[in-house]
Amino acid sequence: MGRVKARKGETSGVRPARVGEGDAVRTLLAEVARDEQDRMQLAASCHLLDSGVDTARFAEPFRLLVFERRRTLLGAVLVQAGSLGSKPGDDLADLKAHQNLYAQQVGMQRKVFDRVNAVSAHLAFMAVAPASRRQGIGRQLVRAAADVERRRGRRLLTGYVWDDDLAHMYERWGFIVSPAEMAAFFLREKVGNLYAPSAAALNLTEGSRLIVLPLVPEVRPYDIGTADQPFPAVVGVEEPFDPTHLDTPEELTRVKERIEALVQQQMTLYGPERTRAMFDAFLGQSGN
């Protein structure tokens, strides 16, 4: 199908969705909503759009972009804040009998994904009207979304696909595509003069694949596995990696210093065992 040019005086291209376009956007994206949760999320996003709510001020903001031609919306994309690794991976299940070790590993995994999510955006929904496909509209929508997120300081754009044809399409657009049901993230962070690596596995919904578009050169695929123990679809992030959300607020720093001073004082007066017992009793009362 040939490309359709806009008539004189008419707009054509990608732009932010406007108040009043919620129903049209919802209709475009309805076919890529896989379950009831997706449909509820899409409906809520379109309702907020039509209500004129400034979603950029949300803790987890989202953005809706549309492709318009001849005053008709032909495609739309919904981009959210990153939300990878929201629950412990299945690879940690064997550790559940050892609660301390399990809690430690879950905490380390959560830290890795917190850092990745802080500099990630997620491609939640993208669709083009059936009669307007194969005209480059989807690619323009994704490229525009990537440009917006790059300007906002994001380092990668993620998404999920369940179809091989879609996986190949996104791969042609520059995305890293994971094997089905497994992906991982690998961070190389500078500690002093050394690089400290850390990795976390991401368990995907059955049949799905993760797609990742690097928005900066430092994000690229790594192969840290071996022939005997392959570790597929590793997305590596090298220095510089400095998400601002890791900066401790001054007020919390002061609280931390006061707690440490109190602990040191109690240790001097009562010794480590009694101090530990006192704090355990205090924490137990706080949990009731």
Protein backbone atom coordinates (compact mmCIF):
# COMPACT_ATOMS: atom_id res chain seq x y z
CA MET A 1 0.00 0.00 0.00
CA GLY A 2 1.41 3.40 -0.95
CA ARG A 3 1.99 6.23 1.44
CA VAL A 4 -0.83 8.75 1.72
CA LYS A 5 0.23 12.38 1.73
CA ALA A 6 -1.56 15.03 3.72
CA ARG A 7 -3.57 17.58 1.82
CA LYS A 8 -2.60 21.23 1.89
CA GLY A 9 -3.35 22.80 5.27
CA GLU A 10 -3.80 19.46 7.03
CA THR A 11 -1.51 18.04 9.70
CA SER A 12 0.30 14.73 9.30
CA GLY A 13 2.64 13.06 11.75
CA VAL A 14 3.16 12.20 15.41
CA ARG A 15 2.02 14.47 18.23
CA PRO A 16 0.84 14.19 21.86
CA ALA A 17 -2.74 13.03 22.30
CA ARG A 18 -5.22 15.78 23.19
CA VAL A 19 -8.14 16.07 25.56
CA GLY A 20 -11.23 14.60 23.88
CA GLU A 21 -9.32 11.94 21.92
CA GLY A 22 -9.57 9.26 24.62
CA ASP A 23 -12.23 7.17 22.86
CA ALA A 24 -10.35 7.20 19.54
CA VAL A 25 -7.08 6.22 21.25
CA ARG A 26 -8.80 3.47 23.22
CA THR A 27 -10.33 2.06 20.03
CA LEU A 28 -6.93 2.02 18.30
CA LEU A 29 -5.13 0.31 21.18
CA ALA A 30 -7.92 -2.09 22.22
CA GLU A 31 -6.66 -4.90 19.98
CA VAL A 32 -3.28 -5.05 21.77
CA ALA A 33 -4.80 -5.22 25.27
CA ARG A 34 -4.27 -8.88 26.12
CA ASP A 35 -6.38 -9.26 29.27
CA GLU A 36 -8.76 -7.50 31.63
CA GLN A 37 -5.92 -5.80 33.49
CA ASP A 38 -4.62 -4.32 30.22
CA ARG A 39 -8.12 -3.14 29.29
CA MET A 40 -8.60 -1.47 32.68
CA GLN A 41 -5.22 0.22 32.42
CA LEU A 42 -5.97 1.48 28.91
CA ALA A 43 -9.42 2.74 29.93
CA ALA A 44 -7.98 4.56 32.95
CA SER A 45 -5.25 6.21 30.85
CA CYS A 46 -7.75 7.43 28.25
CA HIS A 47 -10.08 8.70 30.98
CA LEU A 48 -7.22 10.71 32.54
CA LEU A 49 -6.40 12.10 29.09
CA ASP A 50 -9.96 13.34 28.57
CA SER A 51 -10.07 14.72 32.11
CA GLY A 52 -7.09 16.95 31.31
CA VAL A 53 -4.98 15.51 34.13
CA ASP A 54 -1.27 16.38 34.01
CA THR A 55 0.08 12.82 34.20
CA ALA A 56 3.69 14.06 34.04
CA ARG A 57 3.31 14.86 37.75
CA PHE A 58 2.40 11.26 38.67
CA ALA A 59 4.85 9.06 40.58
CA GLU A 60 4.66 6.72 37.56
CA PRO A 61 3.90 9.05 34.65
CA PHE A 62 2.72 7.92 31.23
CA ARG A 63 2.56 9.56 27.82
CA LEU A 64 0.15 9.05 24.92
CA LEU A 65 1.31 9.87 21.39
CA VAL A 66 -0.82 9.61 18.24
CA PHE A 67 -0.25 9.65 14.52
CA GLU A 68 -2.69 11.95 12.71
CA ARG A 69 -3.33 12.25 8.98
CA ARG A 70 -6.17 14.16 7.33
CA ARG A 71 -7.59 14.92 10.79
CA THR A 72 -7.91 11.20 11.52
CA LEU A 73 -5.97 9.24 14.15
CA LEU A 74 -4.30 6.28 12.46
CA GLY A 75 -2.04 5.04 15.27
CA ALA A 76 -1.26 5.50 18.94
CA VAL A 77 1.36 4.54 21.53
CA LEU A 78 1.23 4.53 25.33
CA VAL A 79 4.57 4.79 27.17
CA GLN A 80 4.87 4.30 30.94
CA ALA A 81 7.56 4.45 33.60
CA GLY A 82 9.76 1.34 33.83
CA SER A 83 8.36 -1.50 35.96
CA LEU A 84 10.63 -4.50 35.37
CA GLY A 85 11.25 -7.12 38.05
CA SER A 86 8.29 -6.15 40.24
CA LYS A 87 8.20 -9.62 41.81
CA PRO A 88 11.00 -12.07 42.75
CA GLY A 89 12.16 -14.26 39.89
CA ASP A 90 11.39 -17.97 39.72
CA ASP A 91 15.13 -18.65 39.90
CA LEU A 92 15.02 -17.71 43.60
CA ALA A 93 12.33 -20.25 44.49
CA ASP A 94 14.86 -22.86 45.64
CA LEU A 95 16.11 -20.45 48.31
CA LYS A 96 12.76 -20.03 50.06
CA ALA A 97 13.69 -22.66 52.65
CA HIS A 98 16.55 -20.37 53.71
CA GLN A 99 14.69 -17.18 54.61
CA ASN A 100 17.72 -14.99 55.33
CA LEU A 101 19.49 -15.92 52.11
CA TYR A 102 16.23 -15.60 50.15
CA ALA A 103 15.55 -12.13 51.58
CA GLN A 104 19.11 -11.07 50.76
CA GLN A 105 18.88 -12.26 47.15
CA VAL A 106 15.42 -10.75 46.64
CA GLY A 107 16.72 -7.45 47.97
CA MET A 108 19.72 -7.51 45.64
CA GLN A 109 17.50 -8.32 42.65
CA ARG A 110 15.12 -5.51 43.56
CA LYS A 111 18.03 -3.05 43.79
CA VAL A 112 19.23 -3.98 40.31
CA PHE A 113 15.77 -3.53 38.79
CA ASP A 114 15.13 -0.33 40.76
CA ARG A 115 18.21 1.12 39.13
CA VAL A 116 17.20 -0.10 35.68
CA ASN A 117 13.62 1.17 36.08
CA ALA A 118 14.87 4.58 37.20
CA VAL A 119 16.33 5.15 33.74
CA SER A 120 13.82 3.13 31.69
CA ALA A 121 10.55 3.78 29.91
CA HIS A 122 8.11 1.03 28.97
CA LEU A 123 6.24 0.70 25.68
CA ALA A 124 2.92 -0.55 27.08
CA PHE A 125 0.71 -0.39 23.95
CA MET A 126 1.30 0.49 20.30
CA ALA A 127 -1.08 -0.10 17.39
CA VAL A 128 -1.91 1.21 13.91
CA ALA A 129 -5.33 1.10 12.27
CA PRO A 130 -5.53 -2.02 10.03
CA ALA A 131 -6.13 -0.06 6.81
CA SER A 132 -3.05 2.11 7.45
CA ARG A 133 -0.44 -0.53 8.18
CA ARG A 134 2.79 -1.05 6.20
CA GLN A 135 3.16 2.70 5.75
CA GLY A 136 5.83 3.28 8.42
CA ILE A 137 3.38 4.73 10.96
CA GLY A 138 4.30 2.30 13.75
CA ARG A 139 7.99 2.98 13.31
CA GLN A 140 7.38 6.73 13.42
CA LEU A 141 5.38 6.36 16.64
CA VAL A 142 8.09 4.28 18.33
CA ARG A 143 10.85 6.58 17.10
CA ALA A 144 9.00 9.64 18.40
CA ALA A 145 8.40 7.95 21.78
CA ALA A 146 12.10 7.03 21.97
CA ASP A 147 13.14 10.61 21.18
CA VAL A 148 10.87 11.96 23.93
CA GLU A 149 12.23 9.51 26.51
CA ARG A 150 15.83 10.16 25.48
CA ARG A 151 15.34 13.89 26.05
CA ARG A 152 13.88 13.08 29.47
CA GLY A 153 17.09 11.28 30.40
CA ARG A 154 15.90 7.70 29.88
CA ARG A 155 18.52 5.21 28.75
CA LEU A 156 16.37 2.38 27.40
CA LEU A 157 12.86 1.71 26.13
CA THR A 158 11.40 -1.73 26.92
CA GLY A 159 8.34 -3.69 25.82
CA TYR A 160 6.87 -7.19 25.49
CA VAL A 161 5.84 -9.16 22.39
CA TRP A 162 4.15 -12.56 22.02
CA ASP A 163 4.39 -12.92 18.25
CA ASP A 164 7.47 -13.88 16.20
CA ASP A 165 6.57 -11.50 13.39
CA LEU A 166 6.34 -8.61 15.85
CA ALA A 167 9.64 -9.65 17.42
CA HIS A 168 11.31 -9.53 14.00
CA MET A 169 9.70 -6.16 13.26
CA TYR A 170 11.05 -4.61 16.45
CA GLU A 171 14.44 -6.18 15.81
CA ARG A 172 14.55 -4.43 12.43
CA TRP A 173 13.81 -1.19 14.29
CA GLY A 174 16.92 -1.61 16.44
CA PHE A 175 15.50 -3.41 19.48
CA ILE A 176 17.32 -6.17 21.35
CA VAL A 177 14.95 -9.19 21.44
CA SER A 178 15.21 -11.81 24.19
CA PRO A 179 14.49 -15.52 23.78
CA ALA A 180 11.05 -16.60 24.92
CA GLU A 181 10.41 -16.56 28.67
CA MET A 182 13.86 -15.41 29.86
CA ALA A 183 15.89 -12.21 29.90
CA ALA A 184 18.43 -10.64 32.23
CA PHE A 185 20.03 -7.33 33.05
CA PHE A 186 23.70 -6.89 33.74
CA LEU A 187 25.11 -3.73 35.33
CA ARG A 188 28.75 -2.71 35.39
CA GLU A 189 29.11 0.06 37.92
CA LYS A 190 32.32 1.81 38.85
CA VAL A 191 33.31 1.48 42.50
CA GLY A 192 36.51 3.39 43.05
CA ASN A 193 38.78 2.34 40.22
CA LEU A 194 37.12 -1.05 39.77
CA TYR A 195 34.01 -2.23 37.93
CA ALA A 196 31.55 -4.13 40.12
CA PRO A 197 29.20 -6.36 38.09
CA SER A 198 25.71 -7.38 39.20
CA ALA A 199 23.03 -9.28 37.29
CA ALA A 200 19.37 -10.15 37.77
CA ALA A 201 17.15 -12.53 35.79
CA LEU A 202 13.73 -11.45 34.57
CA ASN A 203 11.09 -14.17 34.28
CA LEU A 204 8.62 -13.39 31.50
CA THR A 205 5.03 -14.46 30.95
CA GLU A 206 4.87 -17.76 29.10
CA GLY A 207 5.52 -17.29 25.40
CA SER A 208 6.50 -13.64 25.68
CA ARG A 209 9.74 -11.92 24.76
CA LEU A 210 11.31 -8.77 26.12
CA ILE A 211 12.32 -6.08 23.64
CA VAL A 212 14.80 -3.36 24.59
CA LEU A 213 15.71 -0.29 22.55
CA PRO A 214 19.01 1.29 23.69
CA LEU A 215 18.63 5.08 23.84
CA VAL A 216 22.32 5.73 24.57
CA PRO A 217 25.47 3.92 23.34
CA GLU A 218 26.31 2.55 26.80
CA VAL A 219 23.28 0.23 26.71
CA ARG A 220 23.99 -2.85 24.61
CA PRO A 221 23.63 -6.67 24.64
CA TYR A 222 26.21 -8.69 26.53
CA ASP A 223 27.12 -12.36 26.50
CA ILE A 224 28.29 -13.29 29.99
CA GLY A 225 27.37 -16.96 29.71
CA THR A 226 29.36 -19.98 28.57
CA ALA A 227 28.67 -22.78 26.11
CA ASP A 228 27.77 -25.07 29.00
CA GLN A 229 25.75 -22.47 30.91
CA PRO A 230 24.36 -19.90 28.48
CA PHE A 231 22.97 -16.68 29.92
CA PRO A 232 20.85 -15.32 27.05
CA ALA A 233 19.51 -11.87 26.30
CA VAL A 234 21.61 -9.94 28.78
CA VAL A 235 21.18 -6.19 28.49
CA GLY A 236 24.25 -4.47 29.90
CA VAL A 237 24.44 -0.94 31.20
CA GLU A 238 27.91 0.51 31.74
CA GLU A 239 29.10 3.73 33.34
CA PRO A 240 27.95 6.45 33.46
CA PHE A 241 24.89 5.22 35.36
CA ASP A 242 23.72 7.73 37.94
CA PRO A 243 19.94 7.81 38.43
CA THR A 244 19.02 10.74 40.66
CA HIS A 245 16.50 8.72 42.67
CA LEU A 246 19.39 7.06 44.52
CA ASP A 247 20.44 10.34 46.11
CA THR A 248 19.46 10.15 49.79
CA PRO A 249 17.32 13.14 50.85
CA GLU A 250 19.04 15.34 53.44
CA GLU A 251 16.28 14.70 55.99
CA LEU A 252 16.72 10.91 55.75
CA THR A 253 20.48 11.32 56.06
CA ARG A 254 20.02 13.21 59.33
CA VAL A 255 17.63 10.54 60.66
CA LYS A 256 20.11 7.81 59.72
CA GLU A 257 22.93 9.65 61.53
CA ARG A 258 20.81 10.05 64.68
CA ILE A 259 19.90 6.35 64.70
CA GLU A 260 23.53 5.35 64.26
CA ALA A 261 24.58 7.66 67.11
CA LEU A 262 21.86 6.18 69.36
CA VAL A 263 22.96 2.63 68.55
CA GLN A 264 26.57 3.48 69.31
CA GLN A 265 25.56 5.04 72.61
CA GLN A 266 23.50 2.00 73.63
CA MET A 267 26.35 -0.33 72.62
CA THR A 268 28.72 1.59 74.90
CA LEU A 269 26.31 1.50 77.86
CA TYR A 270 24.83 -2.00 77.58
CA GLY A 271 26.98 -4.03 75.19
CA PRO A 272 26.03 -5.55 71.81
CA GLU A 273 23.79 -8.41 72.98
CA ARG A 274 21.54 -6.33 75.22
CA THR A 275 21.40 -3.51 72.66
CA ARG A 276 20.32 -5.99 69.97
CA ALA A 277 17.64 -7.41 72.29
CA MET A 278 16.34 -3.92 73.05
CA PHE A 279 16.05 -3.00 69.40
CA ASP A 280 14.44 -6.35 68.52
CA ALA A 281 11.84 -5.77 71.23
CA PHE A 282 11.24 -2.22 69.98
CA LEU A 283 10.82 -3.35 66.38
CA GLY A 284 8.47 -6.12 67.51
CA GLN A 285 6.26 -3.61 69.31
CA SER A 286 6.31 -1.30 66.25
CA GLY A 287 5.06 -4.12 64.05
CA ASN A 288 1.98 -4.76 66.20
